[in-house]
Amino acid sequence: MLDFPAVIDATDTYDGPFMRPLTDGEVRAWAPDARPTCADWDDALDSGRLTFPDRALGNCTVLYRNGLPAQIGYWGTTAD
């Protein structure tokens, strides 16, 4: 479980604990069409193309199904 008190802007570089959405460029680095599916996200995490953020930080991105926003993928590293 990730427990972050706030979501910050995608371009902010503050230290945590925060959840930060990916920038368009960060998404396009592993999903060139900028509309990643859940499978794309899983593959990017498993392959290391999408890395986990540092301690007490989380990232998130919109995931698509049939070209439409369907869910949000969250991943991060706890402060524990």
Protein backbone atom coordinates (compact mmCIF):
# COMPACT_ATOMS: atom_id res chain seq x y z
CA MET A 1 0.00 0.00 0.00
CA LEU A 2 1.24 3.45 -0.90
CA ASP A 3 0.22 6.27 1.41
CA PHE A 4 1.04 9.73 0.10
CA PRO A 5 -0.51 12.96 1.44
CA ALA A 6 -0.72 14.79 -1.90
CA VAL A 7 -0.37 14.58 -5.65
CA ILE A 8 2.10 17.05 -7.13
CA ASP A 9 2.43 18.42 -10.65
CA ALA A 10 4.13 16.11 -13.15
CA THR A 11 7.03 18.56 -13.57
CA ASP A 12 7.72 19.04 -9.85
CA THR A 13 10.89 17.46 -8.52
CA TYR A 14 10.23 17.81 -4.79
CA ASP A 15 11.24 15.02 -2.46
CA GLY A 16 8.42 12.92 -1.03
CA PRO A 17 6.23 11.80 0.26
CA PHE A 18 4.24 12.66 -2.85
CA MET A 19 2.47 10.95 -5.71
CA ARG A 20 3.52 12.38 -9.09
CA PRO A 21 1.88 11.71 -12.45
CA LEU A 22 4.26 11.04 -15.33
CA THR A 23 4.90 13.72 -17.91
CA ASP A 24 3.88 13.09 -21.52
CA GLY A 25 7.54 12.52 -22.41
CA GLU A 26 7.98 9.97 -19.63
CA VAL A 27 4.94 8.04 -20.84
CA ARG A 28 6.06 8.16 -24.48
CA ALA A 29 9.44 6.67 -23.49
CA TRP A 30 7.73 3.30 -22.94
CA ALA A 31 4.37 3.82 -24.69
CA PRO A 32 5.06 5.79 -27.91
CA ASP A 33 1.37 6.45 -28.61
CA ALA A 34 0.99 7.96 -25.09
CA ARG A 35 -2.05 5.74 -24.46
CA PRO A 36 -0.62 2.83 -22.51
CA THR A 37 -2.75 -0.17 -21.66
CA CYS A 38 -2.49 -2.10 -18.43
CA ALA A 39 -0.45 -4.72 -20.33
CA ASP A 40 1.94 -2.01 -21.62
CA TRP A 41 2.39 -0.73 -18.07
CA ASP A 42 3.03 -4.22 -16.66
CA ASP A 43 5.54 -4.95 -19.43
CA ALA A 44 7.35 -1.64 -18.86
CA LEU A 45 7.64 -2.31 -15.12
CA ASP A 46 8.73 -5.93 -15.62
CA SER A 47 11.34 -5.02 -18.25
CA GLY A 48 12.83 -2.11 -16.30
CA ARG A 49 11.88 0.46 -18.97
CA LEU A 50 9.71 2.02 -16.29
CA THR A 51 11.52 2.26 -12.97
CA PHE A 52 10.35 2.63 -9.42
CA PRO A 53 10.89 6.06 -7.86
CA ASP A 54 13.10 6.68 -4.85
CA ARG A 55 12.06 6.08 -1.25
CA ALA A 56 8.83 7.81 -0.13
CA LEU A 57 7.80 8.63 -3.70
CA GLY A 58 5.10 7.33 -5.99
CA ASN A 59 4.20 7.71 -9.64
CA CYS A 60 0.96 7.29 -11.50
CA THR A 61 -0.31 7.33 -15.05
CA VAL A 62 -3.60 6.93 -16.88
CA LEU A 63 -4.10 3.52 -18.49
CA TYR A 64 -6.33 3.06 -21.52
CA ARG A 65 -8.70 0.37 -22.76
CA ASN A 66 -10.01 0.57 -26.33
CA GLY A 67 -8.42 4.00 -26.66
CA LEU A 68 -10.29 5.46 -23.68
CA PRO A 69 -9.03 6.25 -20.16
CA ALA A 70 -9.97 3.24 -18.03
CA GLN A 71 -7.88 3.22 -14.85
CA ILE A 72 -4.84 4.66 -13.16
CA GLY A 73 -1.65 2.71 -12.58
CA TYR A 74 0.12 3.52 -9.32
CA TRP A 75 3.61 2.38 -8.27
CA GLY A 76 6.18 3.59 -5.84
CA THR A 77 8.44 2.98 -2.90
CA THR A 78 7.31 3.28 0.69
CA ALA A 79 9.07 5.37 3.32
CA ASP A 80 9.41 2.37 5.63
